[in-house]
Amino acid sequence: MTVNRKPLEERFSNRFGFLNQTSLARWAPIPLRLIVGYGFFGGLAVLLGALVPLVSLPMAVLLFVAIFTVHLPYGFSSIKLMSVTSGHAQFGPPGYECDLLYLACLAALVLGGSAPMSIDGYLKRKA
């Protein structure tokens, strides 16, 4: 019986190495654009990847206003089960968890770019 004495880093370094390739990583913003674009007002510009840094500012302001004026008193969690009556769940008001997720997605799109299949990418290549 032989024992593999290589360090863990050596044994497992290439197993998930394909996930770190630049060619695959550049497609990462597309799911973020789809989620934010589908679920938010002003989302069409984000969905298309058009002027994402510009349209993200009013969207972020709206999210911060919603957090501090509506959702903050209800806490972090977005789902609060109040009771179950007649086999139906009764949910309470949502917390600010979803707002923070939208803010994180917007920040990732602004800082990381909006991906190759976007109007911003097209304008950058054309310039």
C-alpha atoms as a PDB file:
ATOM      1  CA  MET A   1       0.000   0.000   0.000  1.00  0.00           C
ATOM      2  CA  THR A   2       1.436   3.364  -1.028  1.00  0.00           C
ATOM      3  CA  VAL A   3       0.656   6.621   0.676  1.00  0.00           C
ATOM      4  CA  ASN A   4       0.455   9.827  -1.324  1.00  0.00           C
ATOM      5  CA  ARG A   5       2.773  12.210   0.499  1.00  0.00           C
ATOM      6  CA  LYS A   6       2.331  15.219  -1.781  1.00  0.00           C
ATOM      7  CA  PRO A   7       1.070  18.390  -0.112  1.00  0.00           C
ATOM      8  CA  LEU A   8      -2.646  19.051  -0.433  1.00  0.00           C
ATOM      9  CA  GLU A   9      -1.988  22.100  -2.593  1.00  0.00           C
ATOM     10  CA  GLU A  10      -0.127  19.947  -5.124  1.00  0.00           C
ATOM     11  CA  ARG A  11      -2.732  17.186  -5.202  1.00  0.00           C
ATOM     12  CA  PHE A  12      -5.763  19.406  -5.647  1.00  0.00           C
ATOM     13  CA  SER A  13      -4.349  22.441  -7.451  1.00  0.00           C
ATOM     14  CA  ASN A  14      -5.544  21.534 -10.954  1.00  0.00           C
ATOM     15  CA  ARG A  15      -8.854  19.911 -10.075  1.00  0.00           C
ATOM     16  CA  PHE A  16     -10.772  23.180 -10.257  1.00  0.00           C
ATOM     17  CA  GLY A  17      -8.184  25.112 -12.227  1.00  0.00           C
ATOM     18  CA  PHE A  18     -10.477  25.447 -15.241  1.00  0.00           C
ATOM     19  CA  LEU A  19     -12.777  27.685 -13.184  1.00  0.00           C
ATOM     20  CA  ASN A  20     -10.041  30.284 -12.805  1.00  0.00           C
ATOM     21  CA  GLN A  21      -9.321  30.684 -16.485  1.00  0.00           C
ATOM     22  CA  THR A  22      -9.794  34.171 -17.864  1.00  0.00           C
ATOM     23  CA  SER A  23     -11.879  32.939 -20.787  1.00  0.00           C
ATOM     24  CA  LEU A  24     -14.487  31.492 -18.427  1.00  0.00           C
ATOM     25  CA  ALA A  25     -14.312  34.213 -15.780  1.00  0.00           C
ATOM     26  CA  ARG A  26     -15.239  36.949 -18.243  1.00  0.00           C
ATOM     27  CA  TRP A  27     -18.732  35.423 -18.568  1.00  0.00           C
ATOM     28  CA  ALA A  28     -19.409  35.675 -14.811  1.00  0.00           C
ATOM     29  CA  PRO A  29     -21.304  39.022 -14.927  1.00  0.00           C
ATOM     30  CA  ILE A  30     -23.994  37.640 -17.242  1.00  0.00           C
ATOM     31  CA  PRO A  31     -25.975  35.856 -14.483  1.00  0.00           C
ATOM     32  CA  LEU A  32     -25.761  39.012 -12.364  1.00  0.00           C
ATOM     33  CA  ARG A  33     -27.111  41.091 -15.240  1.00  0.00           C
ATOM     34  CA  LEU A  34     -29.950  38.638 -15.762  1.00  0.00           C
ATOM     35  CA  ILE A  35     -30.951  38.622 -12.090  1.00  0.00           C
ATOM     36  CA  VAL A  36     -30.745  42.381 -11.561  1.00  0.00           C
ATOM     37  CA  GLY A  37     -32.210  43.184 -14.964  1.00  0.00           C
ATOM     38  CA  TYR A  38     -35.229  40.954 -14.492  1.00  0.00           C
ATOM     39  CA  GLY A  39     -35.994  41.891 -10.892  1.00  0.00           C
ATOM     40  CA  PHE A  40     -35.451  45.661 -10.741  1.00  0.00           C
ATOM     41  CA  PHE A  41     -36.917  48.935 -12.133  1.00  0.00           C
ATOM     42  CA  GLY A  42     -34.372  50.317 -14.590  1.00  0.00           C
ATOM     43  CA  GLY A  43     -33.282  46.762 -15.138  1.00  0.00           C
ATOM     44  CA  LEU A  44     -33.539  46.825 -18.924  1.00  0.00           C
ATOM     45  CA  ALA A  45     -30.333  48.862 -19.147  1.00  0.00           C
ATOM     46  CA  VAL A  46     -28.581  46.423 -16.792  1.00  0.00           C
ATOM     47  CA  LEU A  47     -30.005  43.444 -18.679  1.00  0.00           C
ATOM     48  CA  LEU A  48     -28.572  44.795 -21.927  1.00  0.00           C
ATOM     49  CA  GLY A  49     -25.368  45.960 -20.234  1.00  0.00           C
ATOM     50  CA  ALA A  50     -25.926  49.558 -21.324  1.00  0.00           C
ATOM     51  CA  LEU A  51     -24.313  52.326 -19.264  1.00  0.00           C
ATOM     52  CA  VAL A  52     -24.281  50.099 -16.169  1.00  0.00           C
ATOM     53  CA  PRO A  53     -22.175  52.441 -13.969  1.00  0.00           C
ATOM     54  CA  LEU A  54     -24.501  55.334 -14.762  1.00  0.00           C
ATOM     55  CA  VAL A  55     -27.832  53.539 -14.210  1.00  0.00           C
ATOM     56  CA  SER A  56     -26.514  51.809 -11.082  1.00  0.00           C
ATOM     57  CA  LEU A  57     -26.348  55.070  -9.140  1.00  0.00           C
ATOM     58  CA  PRO A  58     -30.094  55.816  -8.999  1.00  0.00           C
ATOM     59  CA  MET A  59     -30.797  52.110  -8.476  1.00  0.00           C
ATOM     60  CA  ALA A  60     -28.420  52.019  -5.491  1.00  0.00           C
ATOM     61  CA  VAL A  61     -29.945  55.193  -4.045  1.00  0.00           C
ATOM     62  CA  LEU A  62     -33.411  53.642  -4.320  1.00  0.00           C
ATOM     63  CA  LEU A  63     -32.193  50.486  -2.570  1.00  0.00           C
ATOM     64  CA  PHE A  64     -30.611  52.466   0.286  1.00  0.00           C
ATOM     65  CA  VAL A  65     -33.801  54.493   0.728  1.00  0.00           C
ATOM     66  CA  ALA A  66     -35.831  51.261   0.813  1.00  0.00           C
ATOM     67  CA  ILE A  67     -33.484  49.755   3.392  1.00  0.00           C
ATOM     68  CA  PHE A  68     -33.574  52.713   5.766  1.00  0.00           C
ATOM     69  CA  THR A  69     -37.221  53.703   5.397  1.00  0.00           C
ATOM     70  CA  VAL A  70     -39.034  50.381   4.963  1.00  0.00           C
ATOM     71  CA  HIS A  71     -37.027  47.226   5.609  1.00  0.00           C
ATOM     72  CA  LEU A  72     -34.666  48.093   8.486  1.00  0.00           C
ATOM     73  CA  PRO A  73     -37.229  47.651  11.295  1.00  0.00           C
ATOM     74  CA  TYR A  74     -37.944  44.099  10.116  1.00  0.00           C
ATOM     75  CA  GLY A  75     -34.347  42.913  10.398  1.00  0.00           C
ATOM     76  CA  PHE A  76     -32.037  41.143   8.008  1.00  0.00           C
ATOM     77  CA  SER A  77     -34.017  38.123   6.841  1.00  0.00           C
ATOM     78  CA  SER A  78     -36.133  38.459   3.740  1.00  0.00           C
ATOM     79  CA  ILE A  79     -38.569  35.721   4.763  1.00  0.00           C
ATOM     80  CA  LYS A  80     -40.336  35.755   8.102  1.00  0.00           C
ATOM     81  CA  LEU A  81     -42.802  32.958   8.750  1.00  0.00           C
ATOM     82  CA  MET A  82     -45.489  34.371  11.032  1.00  0.00           C
ATOM     83  CA  SER A  83     -47.875  31.415  11.216  1.00  0.00           C
ATOM     84  CA  VAL A  84     -49.352  28.490   9.363  1.00  0.00           C
ATOM     85  CA  THR A  85     -53.145  28.480   9.174  1.00  0.00           C
ATOM     86  CA  SER A  86     -55.223  25.943   7.260  1.00  0.00           C
ATOM     87  CA  GLY A  87     -52.112  24.604   5.614  1.00  0.00           C
ATOM     88  CA  HIS A  88     -51.119  28.053   4.263  1.00  0.00           C
ATOM     89  CA  ALA A  89     -48.080  29.955   5.387  1.00  0.00           C
ATOM     90  CA  GLN A  90     -48.491  33.549   6.526  1.00  0.00           C
ATOM     91  CA  PHE A  91     -45.386  35.633   5.919  1.00  0.00           C
ATOM     92  CA  GLY A  92     -44.433  38.882   7.590  1.00  0.00           C
ATOM     93  CA  PRO A  93     -42.890  41.964   5.980  1.00  0.00           C
ATOM     94  CA  PRO A  94     -39.517  41.440   4.317  1.00  0.00           C
ATOM     95  CA  GLY A  95     -36.205  42.501   5.799  1.00  0.00           C
ATOM     96  CA  TYR A  96     -33.282  44.138   3.995  1.00  0.00           C
ATOM     97  CA  GLU A  97     -31.490  40.978   2.854  1.00  0.00           C
ATOM     98  CA  CYS A  98     -32.651  41.169  -0.784  1.00  0.00           C
ATOM     99  CA  ASP A  99     -31.762  44.844  -0.991  1.00  0.00           C
ATOM    100  CA  LEU A 100     -28.208  44.048   0.096  1.00  0.00           C
ATOM    101  CA  LEU A 101     -27.990  41.298  -2.502  1.00  0.00           C
ATOM    102  CA  TYR A 102     -29.062  43.705  -5.242  1.00  0.00           C
ATOM    103  CA  LEU A 103     -26.506  46.260  -4.014  1.00  0.00           C
ATOM    104  CA  ALA A 104     -23.760  43.615  -4.077  1.00  0.00           C
ATOM    105  CA  CYS A 105     -24.706  42.611  -7.630  1.00  0.00           C
ATOM    106  CA  LEU A 106     -24.695  46.232  -8.787  1.00  0.00           C
ATOM    107  CA  ALA A 107     -21.307  46.833  -7.152  1.00  0.00           C
ATOM    108  CA  ALA A 108     -19.872  43.726  -8.825  1.00  0.00           C
ATOM    109  CA  LEU A 109     -21.147  44.880 -12.223  1.00  0.00           C
ATOM    110  CA  VAL A 110     -19.794  48.402 -11.788  1.00  0.00           C
ATOM    111  CA  LEU A 111     -16.377  47.293 -10.510  1.00  0.00           C
ATOM    112  CA  GLY A 112     -15.935  44.221 -12.704  1.00  0.00           C
ATOM    113  CA  GLY A 113     -17.583  45.318 -15.921  1.00  0.00           C
ATOM    114  CA  SER A 114     -20.719  44.022 -17.566  1.00  0.00           C
ATOM    115  CA  ALA A 115     -19.256  41.151 -19.654  1.00  0.00           C
ATOM    116  CA  PRO A 116     -18.599  40.548 -23.338  1.00  0.00           C
ATOM    117  CA  MET A 117     -22.201  40.372 -24.532  1.00  0.00           C
ATOM    118  CA  SER A 118     -23.134  43.885 -23.447  1.00  0.00           C
ATOM    119  CA  ILE A 119     -23.632  47.280 -24.996  1.00  0.00           C
ATOM    120  CA  ASP A 120     -20.891  48.664 -22.732  1.00  0.00           C
ATOM    121  CA  GLY A 121     -18.469  46.019 -24.038  1.00  0.00           C
ATOM    122  CA  TYR A 122     -19.443  46.840 -27.622  1.00  0.00           C
ATOM    123  CA  LEU A 123     -18.884  50.573 -27.045  1.00  0.00           C
ATOM    124  CA  LYS A 124     -15.510  49.866 -25.398  1.00  0.00           C
ATOM    125  CA  ARG A 125     -14.352  47.737 -28.347  1.00  0.00           C
ATOM    126  CA  LYS A 126     -15.550  50.338 -30.845  1.00  0.00           C
ATOM    127  CA  ALA A 127     -13.692  53.224 -29.160  1.00  0.00           C
END
